[in-house]
C-alpha cells in the first residue's frame, strides 16, 4: 500500500497543513507557491482552542479611523479655499463697478444750488485777546521826551529817613542846581558839562559818625548819560548841613561810587564826619554808600514804572 500520491488523506478534508495535489503528514503539508505555517489570521485552530489576535484587530481599526480623519481634514480645506475664492471674486466685482447704479445714495442728495444758505443774521463778536505788551519802565527814564513826571529833590529823595533792610539813615541837606560843575569836585564838572548835563540833584544821609552824599546828574538821553559815566573822574561834592558837618573834603580820603540807569548818572561819596580817612576795613562806610546807591536806583526805577503803568491804562487820544 502506497502513502504517496493517490493514497488516502490523513485527517480528512481541510486537515491542517495539507496542500493541493500533495499529501503529507499533519503539520507538514505545503501548497505550491505558499509558505509553511499559519494562514492569514494566524495559526489555524480546527478545534477552537486558540484566542483571536487582538493586537492585529486594534491596528486595523485605528487605520480605518485615521483614513476617515484625513478625509474630513482634506474636505474642510477644499471647502475653505472655495469660500475664499467666492468672497474675493465678489469684492473685485464690487470695486470694479465705478458708476453708481440707479437708486444709489447719491441720487438722494439735492443739487448744490438747492442746499439752504448760511444764516445771514449777525454773529456775536468777541474782543481780541492779543493785547499789546506792557511798556518797558526803562523807556520812560531813558529820554526827556517820555520822562515827564515832576523831578526834584522831594521826588527823588522823599521823606526824612531812608531804610534798607534793618538799617535806617537820617536825611540831611538837599540841593538842586542846573550848574552841574558847582556840585562836583575836580574834573567831573567839565565831563558832565561836555556831555550835556541838565542839572544835579543831591541829598546827604547819615548814621552815627558816617555820612554819605548822593548826587544825580540828569541828561536828555541815555547815550549822553552812559558816555559821562564811562568818562567820570574825581567825584560829586559832599553836601553838609542840617546837622552834618563838612566831610570828605581834601585831604580826606573817602569812598566813591558811580552808576547809571536810563538818562540818570548817580554818584556817592561817603566817609566819617570827623574827616578820618576811610580804609578797606571800614565796613560801615562801604555799607552806607552801597545802601544809599541802591535806594537811589530803586527811586529812579519806580519813577519809570509809575509812568509806564499810567501809559498802559490811558487810552490813545483818537479813541
C-alpha atoms as a PDB file:
ATOM      1  CA  UNK A   1       0.000   0.000   0.000  1.00  0.00           C
ATOM      2  CA  UNK A   2       1.484   3.392  -1.032  1.00  0.00           C
ATOM      3  CA  UNK A   3       1.474   6.582   1.167  1.00  0.00           C
ATOM      4  CA  UNK A   4       2.299   8.839  -1.826  1.00  0.00           C
ATOM      5  CA  UNK A   5       0.058  10.255  -4.471  1.00  0.00           C
ATOM      6  CA  UNK A   6      -3.441   8.894  -4.743  1.00  0.00           C
ATOM      7  CA  UNK A   7      -3.442   7.497  -1.228  1.00  0.00           C
ATOM      8  CA  UNK A   8      -5.927   8.336   1.484  1.00  0.00           C
ATOM      9  CA  UNK A   9      -5.769  11.762   3.134  1.00  0.00           C
ATOM     10  CA  UNK A  10      -4.831  11.900   6.762  1.00  0.00           C
ATOM     11  CA  UNK A  11      -7.302  13.782   8.859  1.00  0.00           C
ATOM     12  CA  UNK A  12      -9.932  14.139   6.130  1.00  0.00           C
ATOM     13  CA  UNK A  13     -10.762  17.213   4.073  1.00  0.00           C
ATOM     14  CA  UNK A  14      -9.388  20.545   5.321  1.00  0.00           C
ATOM     15  CA  UNK A  15      -6.876  18.908   7.540  1.00  0.00           C
ATOM     16  CA  UNK A  16      -4.259  21.422   8.787  1.00  0.00           C
ATOM     17  CA  UNK A  17      -1.123  21.816   6.753  1.00  0.00           C
ATOM     18  CA  UNK A  18      -2.415  19.812   3.755  1.00  0.00           C
ATOM     19  CA  UNK A  19      -1.690  21.283   0.342  1.00  0.00           C
ATOM     20  CA  UNK A  20      -3.303  20.781  -3.005  1.00  0.00           C
ATOM     21  CA  UNK A  21      -2.022  17.880  -5.106  1.00  0.00           C
ATOM     22  CA  UNK A  22       0.343  16.548  -2.465  1.00  0.00           C
ATOM     23  CA  UNK A  23      -0.349  14.663   0.752  1.00  0.00           C
ATOM     24  CA  UNK A  24       1.835  14.773   3.805  1.00  0.00           C
ATOM     25  CA  UNK A  25       1.649  14.110   7.452  1.00  0.00           C
ATOM     26  CA  UNK A  26      -0.248  16.539   9.667  1.00  0.00           C
ATOM     27  CA  UNK A  27       1.605  19.797  10.308  1.00  0.00           C
ATOM     28  CA  UNK A  28       3.910  19.336   7.299  1.00  0.00           C
ATOM     29  CA  UNK A  29       1.607  19.989   4.352  1.00  0.00           C
ATOM     30  CA  UNK A  30       2.598  22.682   1.771  1.00  0.00           C
ATOM     31  CA  UNK A  31       0.756  24.164  -1.131  1.00  0.00           C
ATOM     32  CA  UNK A  32       2.510  25.305  -4.284  1.00  0.00           C
ATOM     33  CA  UNK A  33       3.612  28.947  -4.151  1.00  0.00           C
ATOM     34  CA  UNK A  34       2.783  29.332  -0.422  1.00  0.00           C
ATOM     35  CA  UNK A  35       4.931  29.210   2.661  1.00  0.00           C
ATOM     36  CA  UNK A  36       4.530  26.929   5.550  1.00  0.00           C
ATOM     37  CA  UNK A  37       2.760  27.891   8.748  1.00  0.00           C
ATOM     38  CA  UNK A  38      -0.294  29.884   9.762  1.00  0.00           C
ATOM     39  CA  UNK A  39      -2.901  31.335   7.393  1.00  0.00           C
ATOM     40  CA  UNK A  40      -3.920  34.970   7.047  1.00  0.00           C
ATOM     41  CA  UNK A  41      -5.447  35.211  10.542  1.00  0.00           C
ATOM     42  CA  UNK A  42      -2.773  33.286  12.470  1.00  0.00           C
ATOM     43  CA  UNK A  43      -2.395  29.591  13.020  1.00  0.00           C
ATOM     44  CA  UNK A  44      -5.426  27.515  12.100  1.00  0.00           C
ATOM     45  CA  UNK A  45      -7.288  26.144  15.045  1.00  0.00           C
ATOM     46  CA  UNK A  46      -9.777  23.498  13.812  1.00  0.00           C
ATOM     47  CA  UNK A  47     -10.751  22.636  17.340  1.00  0.00           C
ATOM     48  CA  UNK A  48     -11.441  26.292  18.575  1.00  0.00           C
ATOM     49  CA  UNK A  49      -8.822  26.186  21.280  1.00  0.00           C
ATOM     50  CA  UNK A  50      -6.931  29.440  20.384  1.00  0.00           C
ATOM     51  CA  UNK A  51      -7.979  33.178  21.037  1.00  0.00           C
ATOM     52  CA  UNK A  52      -8.170  35.956  18.286  1.00  0.00           C
ATOM     53  CA  UNK A  53      -5.158  38.256  17.669  1.00  0.00           C
ATOM     54  CA  UNK A  54      -6.486  41.404  19.429  1.00  0.00           C
ATOM     55  CA  UNK A  55      -3.403  43.469  18.537  1.00  0.00           C
ATOM     56  CA  UNK A  56      -3.943  42.967  14.836  1.00  0.00           C
ATOM     57  CA  UNK A  57      -7.627  43.808  15.153  1.00  0.00           C
ATOM     58  CA  UNK A  58      -6.859  47.057  17.059  1.00  0.00           C
ATOM     59  CA  UNK A  59      -4.298  48.130  14.460  1.00  0.00           C
ATOM     60  CA  UNK A  60      -6.802  47.574  11.651  1.00  0.00           C
ATOM     61  CA  UNK A  61      -9.467  49.640  13.488  1.00  0.00           C
ATOM     62  CA  UNK A  62      -7.013  52.543  14.122  1.00  0.00           C
ATOM     63  CA  UNK A  63      -6.022  52.553  10.478  1.00  0.00           C
ATOM     64  CA  UNK A  64      -9.676  52.989   9.453  1.00  0.00           C
ATOM     65  CA  UNK A  65     -10.123  55.896  11.902  1.00  0.00           C
ATOM     66  CA  UNK A  66      -7.026  57.669  10.556  1.00  0.00           C
ATOM     67  CA  UNK A  67      -8.268  57.353   6.971  1.00  0.00           C
ATOM     68  CA  UNK A  68     -11.628  58.916   7.930  1.00  0.00           C
ATOM     69  CA  UNK A  69      -9.873  61.781   9.784  1.00  0.00           C
ATOM     70  CA  UNK A  70      -7.650  62.697   6.832  1.00  0.00           C
ATOM     71  CA  UNK A  71     -10.652  62.587   4.517  1.00  0.00           C
ATOM     72  CA  UNK A  72     -12.509  65.069   6.784  1.00  0.00           C
ATOM     73  CA  UNK A  73      -9.479  67.467   7.030  1.00  0.00           C
ATOM     74  CA  UNK A  74      -8.945  67.401   3.303  1.00  0.00           C
ATOM     75  CA  UNK A  75     -12.601  68.101   2.611  1.00  0.00           C
ATOM     76  CA  UNK A  76     -12.641  71.082   5.047  1.00  0.00           C
ATOM     77  CA  UNK A  77      -9.567  72.631   3.432  1.00  0.00           C
ATOM     78  CA  UNK A  78     -11.078  72.356  -0.025  1.00  0.00           C
ATOM     79  CA  UNK A  79     -14.304  73.979   1.225  1.00  0.00           C
ATOM     80  CA  UNK A  80     -12.396  76.875   2.853  1.00  0.00           C
ATOM     81  CA  UNK A  81     -10.436  77.602  -0.322  1.00  0.00           C
ATOM     82  CA  UNK A  82     -13.637  77.557  -2.353  1.00  0.00           C
ATOM     83  CA  UNK A  83     -15.368  80.086   0.005  1.00  0.00           C
ATOM     84  CA  UNK A  84     -12.349  82.420  -0.031  1.00  0.00           C
ATOM     85  CA  UNK A  85     -12.312  82.373  -3.822  1.00  0.00           C
ATOM     86  CA  UNK A  86     -16.012  83.294  -3.946  1.00  0.00           C
ATOM     87  CA  UNK A  87     -15.547  86.210  -1.492  1.00  0.00           C
ATOM     88  CA  UNK A  88     -12.513  87.557  -3.386  1.00  0.00           C
ATOM     89  CA  UNK A  89     -14.438  87.435  -6.641  1.00  0.00           C
ATOM     90  CA  UNK A  90     -17.327  89.358  -5.099  1.00  0.00           C
ATOM     91  CA  UNK A  91     -15.008  92.101  -3.716  1.00  0.00           C
ATOM     92  CA  UNK A  92     -13.247  92.572  -7.057  1.00  0.00           C
ATOM     93  CA  UNK A  93     -16.600  92.762  -8.768  1.00  0.00           C
ATOM     94  CA  UNK A  94     -17.827  95.487  -6.353  1.00  0.00           C
ATOM     95  CA  UNK A  95     -14.635  97.601  -6.679  1.00  0.00           C
ATOM     96  CA  UNK A  96     -14.667  97.433 -10.457  1.00  0.00           C
ATOM     97  CA  UNK A  97     -18.156  98.907 -10.617  1.00  0.00           C
ATOM     98  CA  UNK A  98     -17.155 102.619 -10.810  1.00  0.00           C
ATOM     99  CA  UNK A  99     -20.506 104.093 -11.855  1.00  0.00           C
ATOM    100  CA  UNK A 100     -23.201 104.063  -9.181  1.00  0.00           C
ATOM    101  CA  UNK A 101     -26.323 102.413 -10.412  1.00  0.00           C
ATOM    102  CA  UNK A 102     -29.796 103.805 -10.226  1.00  0.00           C
ATOM    103  CA  UNK A 103     -31.192 104.136  -6.771  1.00  0.00           C
ATOM    104  CA  UNK A 104     -27.765 104.728  -5.207  1.00  0.00           C
ATOM    105  CA  UNK A 105     -27.315 107.057  -2.209  1.00  0.00           C
ATOM    106  CA  UNK A 106     -26.022 109.902  -4.423  1.00  0.00           C
ATOM    107  CA  UNK A 107     -29.365 110.123  -6.192  1.00  0.00           C
ATOM    108  CA  UNK A 108     -30.987 111.088  -2.882  1.00  0.00           C
ATOM    109  CA  UNK A 109     -28.808 114.230  -2.366  1.00  0.00           C
ATOM    110  CA  UNK A 110     -30.171 117.543  -3.669  1.00  0.00           C
ATOM    111  CA  UNK A 111     -28.057 119.546  -6.145  1.00  0.00           C
ATOM    112  CA  UNK A 112     -25.637 122.083  -4.689  1.00  0.00           C
ATOM    113  CA  UNK A 113     -27.749 125.029  -5.651  1.00  0.00           C
ATOM    114  CA  UNK A 114     -30.720 123.771  -3.661  1.00  0.00           C
ATOM    115  CA  UNK A 115     -28.884 123.496  -0.316  1.00  0.00           C
ATOM    116  CA  UNK A 116     -30.031 126.029   2.293  1.00  0.00           C
ATOM    117  CA  UNK A 117     -27.945 129.197   2.619  1.00  0.00           C
ATOM    118  CA  UNK A 118     -25.883 130.038   5.686  1.00  0.00           C
ATOM    119  CA  UNK A 119     -27.731 132.191   8.234  1.00  0.00           C
ATOM    120  CA  UNK A 120     -27.369 135.894   7.438  1.00  0.00           C
ATOM    121  CA  UNK A 121     -28.053 137.308  10.911  1.00  0.00           C
ATOM    122  CA  UNK A 122     -25.196 138.958  12.799  1.00  0.00           C
ATOM    123  CA  UNK A 123     -22.912 136.629  14.687  1.00  0.00           C
ATOM    124  CA  UNK A 124     -21.602 137.505  18.174  1.00  0.00           C
ATOM    125  CA  UNK A 125     -18.161 139.098  18.222  1.00  0.00           C
ATOM    126  CA  UNK A 126     -15.545 138.885  20.922  1.00  0.00           C
ATOM    127  CA  UNK A 127     -12.722 141.276  21.756  1.00  0.00           C
ATOM    128  CA  UNK A 128      -9.240 140.305  20.643  1.00  0.00           C
ATOM    129  CA  UNK A 129      -7.035 138.707  23.287  1.00  0.00           C
ATOM    130  CA  UNK A 130      -3.811 139.790  21.571  1.00  0.00           C
ATOM    131  CA  UNK A 131      -3.190 142.706  23.911  1.00  0.00           C
ATOM    132  CA  UNK A 132      -0.051 144.753  23.440  1.00  0.00           C
ATOM    133  CA  UNK A 133       2.752 144.007  25.903  1.00  0.00           C
ATOM    134  CA  UNK A 134       3.104 146.481  28.782  1.00  0.00           C
ATOM    135  CA  UNK A 135       5.553 149.354  28.234  1.00  0.00           C
ATOM    136  CA  UNK A 136       9.129 148.966  29.430  1.00  0.00           C
ATOM    137  CA  UNK A 137       9.668 151.164  32.520  1.00  0.00           C
ATOM    138  CA  UNK A 138      13.194 151.969  31.413  1.00  0.00           C
ATOM    139  CA  UNK A 139      11.844 153.642  28.265  1.00  0.00           C
ATOM    140  CA  UNK A 140      10.261 156.316  30.492  1.00  0.00           C
ATOM    141  CA  UNK A 141      13.511 157.222  32.230  1.00  0.00           C
ATOM    142  CA  UNK A 142      15.774 156.980  29.170  1.00  0.00           C
ATOM    143  CA  UNK A 143      14.607 160.077  27.332  1.00  0.00           C
ATOM    144  CA  UNK A 144      13.354 163.509  28.381  1.00  0.00           C
ATOM    145  CA  UNK A 145      10.626 163.177  25.737  1.00  0.00           C
ATOM    146  CA  UNK A 146       8.873 160.482  27.795  1.00  0.00           C
ATOM    147  CA  UNK A 147      10.146 161.291  31.278  1.00  0.00           C
ATOM    148  CA  UNK A 148       7.571 163.951  32.160  1.00  0.00           C
ATOM    149  CA  UNK A 149       6.953 163.298  35.854  1.00  0.00           C
ATOM    150  CA  UNK A 150       7.972 166.040  38.327  1.00  0.00           C
ATOM    151  CA  UNK A 151      11.697 165.899  39.059  1.00  0.00           C
ATOM    152  CA  UNK A 152      13.239 167.480  42.148  1.00  0.00           C
ATOM    153  CA  UNK A 153      14.877 166.617  45.484  1.00  0.00           C
ATOM    154  CA  UNK A 154      11.481 165.857  47.016  1.00  0.00           C
ATOM    155  CA  UNK A 155      10.503 163.301  44.323  1.00  0.00           C
ATOM    156  CA  UNK A 156      13.919 161.601  44.168  1.00  0.00           C
ATOM    157  CA  UNK A 157      14.558 161.640  47.940  1.00  0.00           C
ATOM    158  CA  UNK A 158      11.169 161.700  49.694  1.00  0.00           C
ATOM    159  CA  UNK A 159      10.656 161.667  53.474  1.00  0.00           C
ATOM    160  CA  UNK A 160      13.046 162.367  56.298  1.00  0.00           C
ATOM    161  CA  UNK A 161      14.640 158.922  56.592  1.00  0.00           C
ATOM    162  CA  UNK A 162      15.894 156.188  54.321  1.00  0.00           C
ATOM    163  CA  UNK A 163      15.581 152.499  55.281  1.00  0.00           C
ATOM    164  CA  UNK A 164      17.095 149.395  53.718  1.00  0.00           C
ATOM    165  CA  UNK A 165      16.556 146.078  55.496  1.00  0.00           C
ATOM    166  CA  UNK A 166      17.147 146.819  59.198  1.00  0.00           C
ATOM    167  CA  UNK A 167      19.377 149.861  58.567  1.00  0.00           C
ATOM    168  CA  UNK A 168      17.889 153.335  58.934  1.00  0.00           C
ATOM    169  CA  UNK A 169      19.592 156.573  57.827  1.00  0.00           C
ATOM    170  CA  UNK A 170      18.512 160.167  58.543  1.00  0.00           C
ATOM    171  CA  UNK A 171      18.249 162.607  55.681  1.00  0.00           C
ATOM    172  CA  UNK A 172      20.264 165.809  55.996  1.00  0.00           C
ATOM    173  CA  UNK A 173      20.542 168.647  53.480  1.00  0.00           C
ATOM    174  CA  UNK A 174      19.313 168.512  49.858  1.00  0.00           C
ATOM    175  CA  UNK A 175      20.254 170.578  46.816  1.00  0.00           C
ATOM    176  CA  UNK A 176      19.228 171.047  43.160  1.00  0.00           C
ATOM    177  CA  UNK A 177      21.202 173.064  40.610  1.00  0.00           C
ATOM    178  CA  UNK A 178      21.479 173.466  36.840  1.00  0.00           C
ATOM    179  CA  UNK A 179      25.177 174.346  37.234  1.00  0.00           C
ATOM    180  CA  UNK A 180      26.420 170.765  37.127  1.00  0.00           C
ATOM    181  CA  UNK A 181      30.087 171.692  37.779  1.00  0.00           C
ATOM    182  CA  UNK A 182      29.125 173.532  41.010  1.00  0.00           C
ATOM    183  CA  UNK A 183      28.024 170.222  42.546  1.00  0.00           C
ATOM    184  CA  UNK A 184      31.230 168.337  41.694  1.00  0.00           C
ATOM    185  CA  UNK A 185      34.908 168.120  42.627  1.00  0.00           C
ATOM    186  CA  UNK A 186      37.904 168.025  40.310  1.00  0.00           C
ATOM    187  CA  UNK A 187      37.400 167.057  36.672  1.00  0.00           C
ATOM    188  CA  UNK A 188      33.905 165.659  36.970  1.00  0.00           C
ATOM    189  CA  UNK A 189      32.209 169.033  36.414  1.00  0.00           C
ATOM    190  CA  UNK A 190      33.819 169.501  32.996  1.00  0.00           C
ATOM    191  CA  UNK A 191      32.948 165.945  31.940  1.00  0.00           C
ATOM    192  CA  UNK A 192      29.295 166.424  32.891  1.00  0.00           C
ATOM    193  CA  UNK A 193      29.071 169.728  31.073  1.00  0.00           C
ATOM    194  CA  UNK A 194      30.736 168.288  27.942  1.00  0.00           C
ATOM    195  CA  UNK A 195      28.044 165.611  27.695  1.00  0.00           C
ATOM    196  CA  UNK A 196      25.076 167.938  28.101  1.00  0.00           C
ATOM    197  CA  UNK A 197      24.286 167.679  31.817  1.00  0.00           C
ATOM    198  CA  UNK A 198      20.996 169.466  32.584  1.00  0.00           C
ATOM    199  CA  UNK A 199      21.064 169.504  36.383  1.00  0.00           C
ATOM    200  CA  UNK A 200      22.427 167.800  39.518  1.00  0.00           C
ATOM    201  CA  UNK A 201      20.223 166.901  42.486  1.00  0.00           C
ATOM    202  CA  UNK A 202      21.928 165.989  45.790  1.00  0.00           C
ATOM    203  CA  UNK A 203      20.998 164.687  49.247  1.00  0.00           C
ATOM    204  CA  UNK A 204      23.012 163.629  52.316  1.00  0.00           C
ATOM    205  CA  UNK A 205      22.190 160.720  54.643  1.00  0.00           C
ATOM    206  CA  UNK A 206      23.945 159.911  57.874  1.00  0.00           C
ATOM    207  CA  UNK A 207      24.034 157.340  60.663  1.00  0.00           C
ATOM    208  CA  UNK A 208      26.294 157.597  63.695  1.00  0.00           C
ATOM    209  CA  UNK A 209      29.605 159.087  62.585  1.00  0.00           C
ATOM    210  CA  UNK A 210      29.226 158.089  58.899  1.00  0.00           C
ATOM    211  CA  UNK A 211      27.711 160.360  56.220  1.00  0.00           C
ATOM    212  CA  UNK A 212      27.050 159.808  52.508  1.00  0.00           C
ATOM    213  CA  UNK A 213      26.111 162.374  49.847  1.00  0.00           C
ATOM    214  CA  UNK A 214      24.414 161.154  46.671  1.00  0.00           C
ATOM    215  CA  UNK A 215      24.278 163.329  43.545  1.00  0.00           C
ATOM    216  CA  UNK A 216      22.124 162.555  40.481  1.00  0.00           C
ATOM    217  CA  UNK A 217      23.219 164.126  37.185  1.00  0.00           C
ATOM    218  CA  UNK A 218      20.343 164.364  34.652  1.00  0.00           C
ATOM    219  CA  UNK A 219      20.737 164.242  30.837  1.00  0.00           C
ATOM    220  CA  UNK A 220      18.305 164.402  27.918  1.00  0.00           C
ATOM    221  CA  UNK A 221      19.239 160.988  26.506  1.00  0.00           C
ATOM    222  CA  UNK A 222      20.550 157.684  27.862  1.00  0.00           C
ATOM    223  CA  UNK A 223      23.504 157.737  25.441  1.00  0.00           C
ATOM    224  CA  UNK A 224      24.765 161.003  26.965  1.00  0.00           C
ATOM    225  CA  UNK A 225      24.496 159.586  30.483  1.00  0.00           C
ATOM    226  CA  UNK A 226      26.418 156.453  29.541  1.00  0.00           C
ATOM    227  CA  UNK A 227      29.185 158.464  27.941  1.00  0.00           C
ATOM    228  CA  UNK A 228      29.523 160.682  31.013  1.00  0.00           C
ATOM    229  CA  UNK A 229      29.553 157.672  33.354  1.00  0.00           C
ATOM    230  CA  UNK A 230      32.302 155.951  31.350  1.00  0.00           C
ATOM    231  CA  UNK A 231      34.457 159.102  31.370  1.00  0.00           C
ATOM    232  CA  UNK A 232      33.809 160.080  35.016  1.00  0.00           C
ATOM    233  CA  UNK A 233      36.796 161.092  37.174  1.00  0.00           C
ATOM    234  CA  UNK A 234      37.030 162.506  40.701  1.00  0.00           C
ATOM    235  CA  UNK A 235      33.505 162.755  42.105  1.00  0.00           C
ATOM    236  CA  UNK A 236      30.496 164.541  43.463  1.00  0.00           C
ATOM    237  CA  UNK A 237      30.961 167.193  46.159  1.00  0.00           C
ATOM    238  CA  UNK A 238      29.751 166.260  49.645  1.00  0.00           C
ATOM    239  CA  UNK A 239      26.786 168.267  50.937  1.00  0.00           C
ATOM    240  CA  UNK A 240      26.986 169.345  54.628  1.00  0.00           C
ATOM    241  CA  UNK A 241      24.148 170.948  56.569  1.00  0.00           C
ATOM    242  CA  UNK A 242      21.099 170.029  58.614  1.00  0.00           C
ATOM    243  CA  UNK A 243      23.214 168.614  61.435  1.00  0.00           C
ATOM    244  CA  UNK A 244      26.014 167.184  59.262  1.00  0.00           C
ATOM    245  CA  UNK A 245      29.429 168.902  59.390  1.00  0.00           C
ATOM    246  CA  UNK A 246      31.672 169.292  56.365  1.00  0.00           C
ATOM    247  CA  UNK A 247      33.183 165.938  55.453  1.00  0.00           C
ATOM    248  CA  UNK A 248      35.069 164.249  52.610  1.00  0.00           C
ATOM    249  CA  UNK A 249      36.979 167.328  51.501  1.00  0.00           C
ATOM    250  CA  UNK A 250      40.681 167.340  50.664  1.00  0.00           C
ATOM    251  CA  UNK A 251      42.897 165.990  52.028  1.00  0.00           C
ATOM    252  CA  UNK A 252      40.452 163.420  53.484  1.00  0.00           C
ATOM    253  CA  UNK A 253      40.234 160.012  51.798  1.00  0.00           C
ATOM    254  CA  UNK A 254      36.647 158.853  51.192  1.00  0.00           C
ATOM    255  CA  UNK A 255      34.865 156.116  49.302  1.00  0.00           C
ATOM    256  CA  UNK A 256      33.190 156.990  45.933  1.00  0.00           C
ATOM    257  CA  UNK A 257      30.873 155.117  43.521  1.00  0.00           C
ATOM    258  CA  UNK A 258      29.472 155.821  40.023  1.00  0.00           C
ATOM    259  CA  UNK A 259      26.437 154.153  38.375  1.00  0.00           C
ATOM    260  CA  UNK A 260      23.775 154.976  35.782  1.00  0.00           C
ATOM    261  CA  UNK A 261      20.281 153.964  34.730  1.00  0.00           C
ATOM    262  CA  UNK A 262      18.493 155.457  31.772  1.00  0.00           C
ATOM    263  CA  UNK A 263      19.305 159.161  31.432  1.00  0.00           C
ATOM    264  CA  UNK A 264      20.476 159.409  35.053  1.00  0.00           C
ATOM    265  CA  UNK A 265      24.043 159.063  36.403  1.00  0.00           C
ATOM    266  CA  UNK A 266      24.227 158.815  40.194  1.00  0.00           C
ATOM    267  CA  UNK A 267      27.382 159.306  42.277  1.00  0.00           C
ATOM    268  CA  UNK A 268      28.073 158.783  46.004  1.00  0.00           C
ATOM    269  CA  UNK A 269      30.811 159.986  48.311  1.00  0.00           C
ATOM    270  CA  UNK A 270      30.952 158.634  51.879  1.00  0.00           C
ATOM    271  CA  UNK A 271      33.202 158.945  54.886  1.00  0.00           C
ATOM    272  CA  UNK A 272      33.498 159.882  58.532  1.00  0.00           C
ATOM    273  CA  UNK A 273      32.040 163.141  59.788  1.00  0.00           C
ATOM    274  CA  UNK A 274      35.245 163.682  61.817  1.00  0.00           C
ATOM    275  CA  UNK A 275      37.164 163.569  58.493  1.00  0.00           C
ATOM    276  CA  UNK A 276      39.109 160.430  59.344  1.00  0.00           C
ATOM    277  CA  UNK A 277      40.471 158.674  56.286  1.00  0.00           C
ATOM    278  CA  UNK A 278      38.485 155.658  55.087  1.00  0.00           C
ATOM    279  CA  UNK A 279      40.250 152.292  54.767  1.00  0.00           C
ATOM    280  CA  UNK A 280      39.207 148.893  53.429  1.00  0.00           C
ATOM    281  CA  UNK A 281      38.435 147.795  56.968  1.00  0.00           C
ATOM    282  CA  UNK A 282      35.739 150.455  57.432  1.00  0.00           C
ATOM    283  CA  UNK A 283      32.734 148.281  56.547  1.00  0.00           C
ATOM    284  CA  UNK A 284      30.213 150.784  57.930  1.00  0.00           C
ATOM    285  CA  UNK A 285      31.263 153.364  55.310  1.00  0.00           C
ATOM    286  CA  UNK A 286      31.060 150.802  52.489  1.00  0.00           C
ATOM    287  CA  UNK A 287      27.671 149.541  53.649  1.00  0.00           C
ATOM    288  CA  UNK A 288      26.228 153.073  53.947  1.00  0.00           C
ATOM    289  CA  UNK A 289      27.455 154.025  50.468  1.00  0.00           C
ATOM    290  CA  UNK A 290      26.028 150.848  48.905  1.00  0.00           C
ATOM    291  CA  UNK A 291      22.683 151.343  50.687  1.00  0.00           C
ATOM    292  CA  UNK A 292      22.289 154.941  49.513  1.00  0.00           C
ATOM    293  CA  UNK A 293      23.210 153.995  45.925  1.00  0.00           C
ATOM    294  CA  UNK A 294      20.734 151.087  45.928  1.00  0.00           C
ATOM    295  CA  UNK A 295      17.844 153.194  47.242  1.00  0.00           C
ATOM    296  CA  UNK A 296      18.588 155.896  44.641  1.00  0.00           C
ATOM    297  CA  UNK A 297      18.452 153.293  41.859  1.00  0.00           C
ATOM    298  CA  UNK A 298      15.132 151.987  43.211  1.00  0.00           C
ATOM    299  CA  UNK A 299      13.719 155.542  43.209  1.00  0.00           C
ATOM    300  CA  UNK A 300      14.668 156.057  39.543  1.00  0.00           C
ATOM    301  CA  UNK A 301      13.244 152.641  38.622  1.00  0.00           C
ATOM    302  CA  UNK A 302       9.995 153.390  40.487  1.00  0.00           C
ATOM    303  CA  UNK A 303       9.731 156.626  38.510  1.00  0.00           C
ATOM    304  CA  UNK A 304       9.866 154.677  35.254  1.00  0.00           C
ATOM    305  CA  UNK A 305       7.377 152.064  36.451  1.00  0.00           C
ATOM    306  CA  UNK A 306       4.842 154.677  37.520  1.00  0.00           C
ATOM    307  CA  UNK A 307       4.926 156.405  34.140  1.00  0.00           C
ATOM    308  CA  UNK A 308       4.793 153.114  32.211  1.00  0.00           C
ATOM    309  CA  UNK A 309       1.796 151.966  34.244  1.00  0.00           C
ATOM    310  CA  UNK A 310      -0.004 155.259  33.620  1.00  0.00           C
ATOM    311  CA  UNK A 311       0.663 154.952  29.874  1.00  0.00           C
ATOM    312  CA  UNK A 312      -0.673 151.393  29.789  1.00  0.00           C
ATOM    313  CA  UNK A 313      -4.003 152.344  31.398  1.00  0.00           C
ATOM    314  CA  UNK A 314      -4.542 155.562  29.428  1.00  0.00           C
ATOM    315  CA  UNK A 315      -6.348 155.029  26.063  1.00  0.00           C
ATOM    316  CA  UNK A 316      -4.913 156.667  22.936  1.00  0.00           C
ATOM    317  CA  UNK A 317      -6.139 160.178  22.166  1.00  0.00           C
ATOM    318  CA  UNK A 318      -8.017 159.127  18.998  1.00  0.00           C
ATOM    319  CA  UNK A 319     -10.316 156.650  20.785  1.00  0.00           C
END
